[in-house]
Amino acid sequence: MNFSSTIKYIGITEYSPNGLYLAIAKTSSLIIYETSELKIVQKFVFPNAISQIAWSPDSALILIAFYKAGIVEIKEISNPEWTCAINESMSGVTFARWTPDSRKVIIVNDFNVRMSIWSLIDKSTVYIDGPKFKDKGIAFSSNGYFMALAERRESKDTIGIYFTGDFSLVSYFTVDTFDLSDIFWSKNDTSIVVIDNELECKIAIYSPSGNLIEKH
């Protein structure tokens, strides 16, 4: 049995979705290893401390978020000279994630005031006010065409359905929850499962247009 050399680290680690790379963030540096022999493929050093890393679904890009600086950077593994920087220093950054097509970045600003969606293709930006959570309450259909987002408006839980092509609003409805905790699409994309908090122990199922299908 063969073993690789040990890697000493204190930081954030994440495997690429295709399993070919391992990213390790140590303070302000990011090291990319290939997983077969744990050899270094790329190394990046930044002026700010790294708060979060996230691989794109196609494993070609990696997102690096610097919460305190309000900046998100994107690096391409096969082309280390290419870089993309998103500056949200005025609004702040509390969480960042990829869209299913690996070409847009979603950023939630401080205090969940708004969510911004940045396109790496045409540099366009779309803003959505009032996401309820920073790192949950967002779900994409299995084909990646639609996003369901839990929002909080006028002290009520609501869900917005957005077309991911341009993130235009498709439907919007209030849900019968005391304190919504998360949402999921069904496997066939025909309904949305809404989970209430632990005290209510309630699950509601809605159609994407907002009709209540079932409640347990």
Protein backbone atom coordinates (compact mmCIF):
# COMPACT_ATOMS: atom_id res chain seq x y z
CA MET A 1 0.00 0.00 0.00
CA ASN A 2 1.37 3.41 -1.00
CA PHE A 3 0.83 6.61 0.98
CA SER A 4 1.38 10.20 -0.05
CA SER A 5 3.51 12.63 1.91
CA THR A 6 1.68 14.26 4.79
CA ILE A 7 0.46 17.83 4.46
CA LYS A 8 0.51 20.02 7.55
CA TYR A 9 -2.14 22.69 7.53
CA ILE A 10 -4.52 24.75 9.62
CA GLY A 11 -7.15 26.23 7.39
CA ILE A 12 -9.90 25.45 4.88
CA THR A 13 -9.90 22.44 2.55
CA GLU A 14 -12.20 21.51 -0.33
CA TYR A 15 -12.04 18.85 -3.04
CA SER A 16 -13.05 19.78 -6.57
CA PRO A 17 -16.33 18.17 -7.75
CA ASN A 18 -14.46 16.01 -10.28
CA GLY A 19 -12.15 14.75 -7.53
CA LEU A 20 -8.97 15.74 -9.37
CA TYR A 21 -7.90 18.62 -7.12
CA LEU A 22 -7.61 19.47 -3.45
CA ALA A 23 -7.59 23.13 -2.42
CA ILE A 24 -6.09 24.14 0.90
CA ALA A 25 -6.33 27.73 2.14
CA LYS A 26 -3.88 28.81 4.82
CA THR A 27 -4.42 32.35 6.10
CA SER A 28 -3.77 34.35 2.90
CA SER A 29 -2.41 31.63 0.62
CA LEU A 30 -4.22 29.04 -1.49
CA ILE A 31 -2.50 25.85 -2.63
CA ILE A 32 -4.02 23.55 -5.24
CA TYR A 33 -2.90 19.89 -5.19
CA GLU A 34 -3.68 17.16 -7.69
CA THR A 35 -5.16 14.31 -5.71
CA SER A 36 -3.39 11.31 -7.26
CA GLU A 37 0.01 12.12 -5.75
CA LEU A 38 -0.72 15.36 -3.87
CA LYS A 39 1.67 17.37 -6.00
CA ILE A 40 1.25 21.15 -6.05
CA VAL A 41 -0.48 22.36 -9.22
CA GLN A 42 -0.94 26.05 -8.39
CA LYS A 43 -0.22 28.38 -5.50
CA PHE A 44 -1.80 31.79 -5.01
CA VAL A 45 -0.96 34.41 -2.38
CA PHE A 46 -3.37 37.22 -1.53
CA PRO A 47 -3.08 40.44 0.49
CA ASN A 48 -6.09 39.52 2.67
CA ALA A 49 -6.97 36.56 4.89
CA ILE A 50 -9.13 33.96 3.17
CA SER A 51 -12.58 33.39 4.69
CA GLN A 52 -14.07 30.89 2.24
CA ILE A 53 -13.23 28.88 -0.87
CA ALA A 54 -15.61 27.16 -3.28
CA TRP A 55 -15.03 25.17 -6.47
CA SER A 56 -17.19 25.81 -9.50
CA PRO A 57 -19.43 22.85 -10.43
CA ASP A 58 -17.29 22.15 -13.51
CA SER A 59 -14.07 22.18 -11.39
CA ALA A 60 -12.41 24.71 -13.74
CA LEU A 61 -12.59 27.71 -11.41
CA ILE A 62 -12.21 28.35 -7.71
CA LEU A 63 -13.81 31.16 -5.72
CA ILE A 64 -11.93 32.83 -2.87
CA ALA A 65 -13.87 35.11 -0.52
CA PHE A 66 -12.37 37.68 1.83
CA TYR A 67 -15.20 38.67 4.15
CA LYS A 68 -13.42 41.47 6.03
CA ALA A 69 -12.25 43.14 2.82
CA GLY A 70 -15.59 42.63 1.06
CA ILE A 71 -13.87 41.05 -1.95
CA VAL A 72 -14.37 37.83 -3.91
CA GLU A 73 -11.71 36.63 -6.36
CA ILE A 74 -11.97 33.91 -9.01
CA LYS A 75 -8.99 31.88 -10.23
CA GLU A 76 -8.75 29.49 -13.18
CA ILE A 77 -6.73 26.35 -12.49
CA SER A 78 -5.51 25.80 -16.06
CA ASN A 79 -4.70 29.50 -16.58
CA PRO A 80 -3.31 31.00 -13.35
CA GLU A 81 -2.71 34.38 -15.01
CA TRP A 82 -6.47 34.86 -15.48
CA THR A 83 -8.25 36.39 -12.53
CA CYS A 84 -11.55 38.05 -11.71
CA ALA A 85 -12.11 40.31 -8.71
CA ILE A 86 -15.53 41.34 -7.39
CA ASN A 87 -15.43 44.26 -4.99
CA GLU A 88 -18.37 44.48 -2.58
CA SER A 89 -16.51 46.53 0.03
CA MET A 90 -19.38 49.03 0.35
CA SER A 91 -22.01 46.34 1.02
CA GLY A 92 -19.75 43.65 2.51
CA VAL A 93 -19.59 39.91 1.93
CA THR A 94 -20.95 37.26 4.28
CA PHE A 95 -21.13 34.30 1.89
CA ALA A 96 -20.48 33.47 -1.76
CA ARG A 97 -21.42 30.54 -3.97
CA TRP A 98 -21.62 29.41 -7.59
CA THR A 99 -24.62 29.01 -9.84
CA PRO A 100 -24.97 25.59 -11.53
CA ASP A 101 -23.56 26.84 -14.85
CA SER A 102 -20.20 27.73 -13.21
CA ARG A 103 -20.28 31.16 -14.84
CA LYS A 104 -22.09 33.27 -12.27
CA VAL A 105 -21.25 34.05 -8.65
CA ILE A 106 -23.84 34.74 -5.95
CA ILE A 107 -22.80 36.99 -3.07
CA VAL A 108 -24.84 37.71 0.04
CA ASN A 109 -24.06 41.09 1.55
CA ASP A 110 -23.74 42.04 5.21
CA PHE A 111 -26.84 41.55 7.38
CA ASN A 112 -28.57 39.78 4.43
CA VAL A 113 -29.61 43.15 3.06
CA ARG A 114 -29.36 41.92 -0.50
CA MET A 115 -27.97 39.25 -2.79
CA SER A 116 -25.94 40.10 -5.87
CA ILE A 117 -25.43 37.79 -8.86
CA TRP A 118 -22.33 38.53 -10.94
CA SER A 119 -21.84 37.15 -14.45
CA LEU A 120 -18.31 36.18 -15.48
CA ILE A 121 -19.38 36.23 -19.13
CA ASP A 122 -20.78 39.72 -19.70
CA LYS A 123 -19.94 41.31 -16.30
CA SER A 124 -23.60 42.09 -15.65
CA THR A 125 -24.98 42.21 -12.10
CA VAL A 126 -28.45 41.45 -10.76
CA TYR A 127 -29.56 42.39 -7.23
CA ILE A 128 -32.22 40.68 -5.12
CA ASP A 129 -33.24 42.30 -1.85
CA GLY A 130 -33.94 40.50 1.39
CA PRO A 131 -32.61 36.92 1.24
CA LYS A 132 -33.54 35.30 4.53
CA PHE A 133 -30.26 33.42 4.99
CA LYS A 134 -26.68 33.79 3.86
CA ASP A 135 -25.81 30.12 3.26
CA LYS A 136 -29.13 28.25 2.95
CA GLY A 137 -32.69 28.87 1.83
CA ILE A 138 -31.58 28.77 -1.80
CA ALA A 139 -32.17 25.84 -4.15
CA PHE A 140 -31.68 25.24 -7.86
CA SER A 141 -33.81 22.98 -10.03
CA SER A 142 -32.04 19.84 -11.27
CA ASN A 143 -31.69 21.30 -14.78
CA GLY A 144 -30.26 24.52 -13.34
CA TYR A 145 -32.84 26.71 -15.07
CA PHE A 146 -34.60 28.01 -11.95
CA MET A 147 -33.61 29.21 -8.51
CA ALA A 148 -35.91 29.19 -5.50
CA LEU A 149 -34.96 31.71 -2.83
CA ALA A 150 -36.33 32.08 0.69
CA GLU A 151 -36.92 35.74 1.44
CA ARG A 152 -38.25 37.71 4.38
CA ARG A 153 -40.65 40.57 3.61
CA GLU A 154 -42.77 42.49 6.14
CA SER A 155 -42.10 39.84 8.82
CA LYS A 156 -43.40 37.06 6.54
CA ASP A 157 -41.60 34.16 4.88
CA THR A 158 -41.79 34.31 1.10
CA ILE A 159 -40.29 32.42 -1.83
CA GLY A 160 -39.14 33.91 -5.10
CA ILE A 161 -38.66 31.76 -8.20
CA TYR A 162 -36.08 33.17 -10.62
CA PHE A 163 -35.02 32.15 -14.14
CA THR A 164 -31.24 31.69 -13.98
CA GLY A 165 -30.66 32.95 -17.51
CA ASP A 166 -31.07 36.57 -16.41
CA PHE A 167 -32.44 36.06 -12.87
CA SER A 168 -35.76 37.62 -13.75
CA LEU A 169 -38.59 36.92 -11.31
CA VAL A 170 -40.93 34.14 -12.48
CA SER A 171 -43.21 33.83 -9.46
CA TYR A 172 -43.39 35.09 -5.90
CA PHE A 173 -45.54 33.87 -3.03
CA THR A 174 -45.94 33.87 0.75
CA VAL A 175 -45.63 30.52 2.55
CA ASP A 176 -47.50 29.29 5.61
CA THR A 177 -44.59 29.00 8.04
CA PHE A 178 -43.80 30.28 11.48
CA ASP A 179 -40.07 30.55 10.81
CA LEU A 180 -38.92 28.93 7.56
CA SER A 181 -35.61 27.09 7.99
CA ASP A 182 -34.84 25.77 4.48
CA ILE A 183 -36.24 24.88 1.05
CA PHE A 184 -35.59 22.16 -1.55
CA TRP A 185 -36.76 21.27 -5.04
CA SER A 186 -38.33 17.87 -5.58
CA LYS A 187 -36.30 15.50 -7.77
CA ASN A 188 -38.59 16.04 -10.75
CA ASP A 189 -38.64 19.85 -10.28
CA THR A 190 -42.43 19.95 -10.04
CA SER A 191 -42.63 21.17 -6.45
CA ILE A 192 -40.75 22.93 -3.68
CA VAL A 193 -40.43 21.49 -0.18
CA VAL A 194 -40.55 24.11 2.58
CA ILE A 195 -39.31 23.18 6.06
CA ASP A 196 -40.50 25.11 9.10
CA ASN A 197 -38.41 25.44 12.26
CA GLU A 198 -37.90 22.66 14.82
CA LEU A 199 -40.62 23.95 17.15
CA GLU A 200 -43.33 23.77 14.48
CA CYS A 201 -42.16 20.42 12.97
CA LYS A 202 -44.00 21.28 9.76
CA ILE A 203 -43.26 20.55 6.11
CA ALA A 204 -45.21 22.21 3.31
CA ILE A 205 -45.06 21.40 -0.41
CA TYR A 206 -45.76 24.13 -2.95
CA SER A 207 -45.91 24.25 -6.72
CA PRO A 208 -43.44 26.70 -8.33
CA SER A 209 -46.39 29.01 -8.98
CA GLY A 210 -47.20 29.14 -5.25
CA ASN A 211 -50.13 26.71 -4.88
CA LEU A 212 -50.08 24.70 -1.67
CA ILE A 213 -50.00 20.99 -2.61
CA GLU A 214 -49.60 19.28 0.74
CA LYS A 215 -48.80 20.07 4.36
CA HIS A 216 -47.53 17.68 7.03
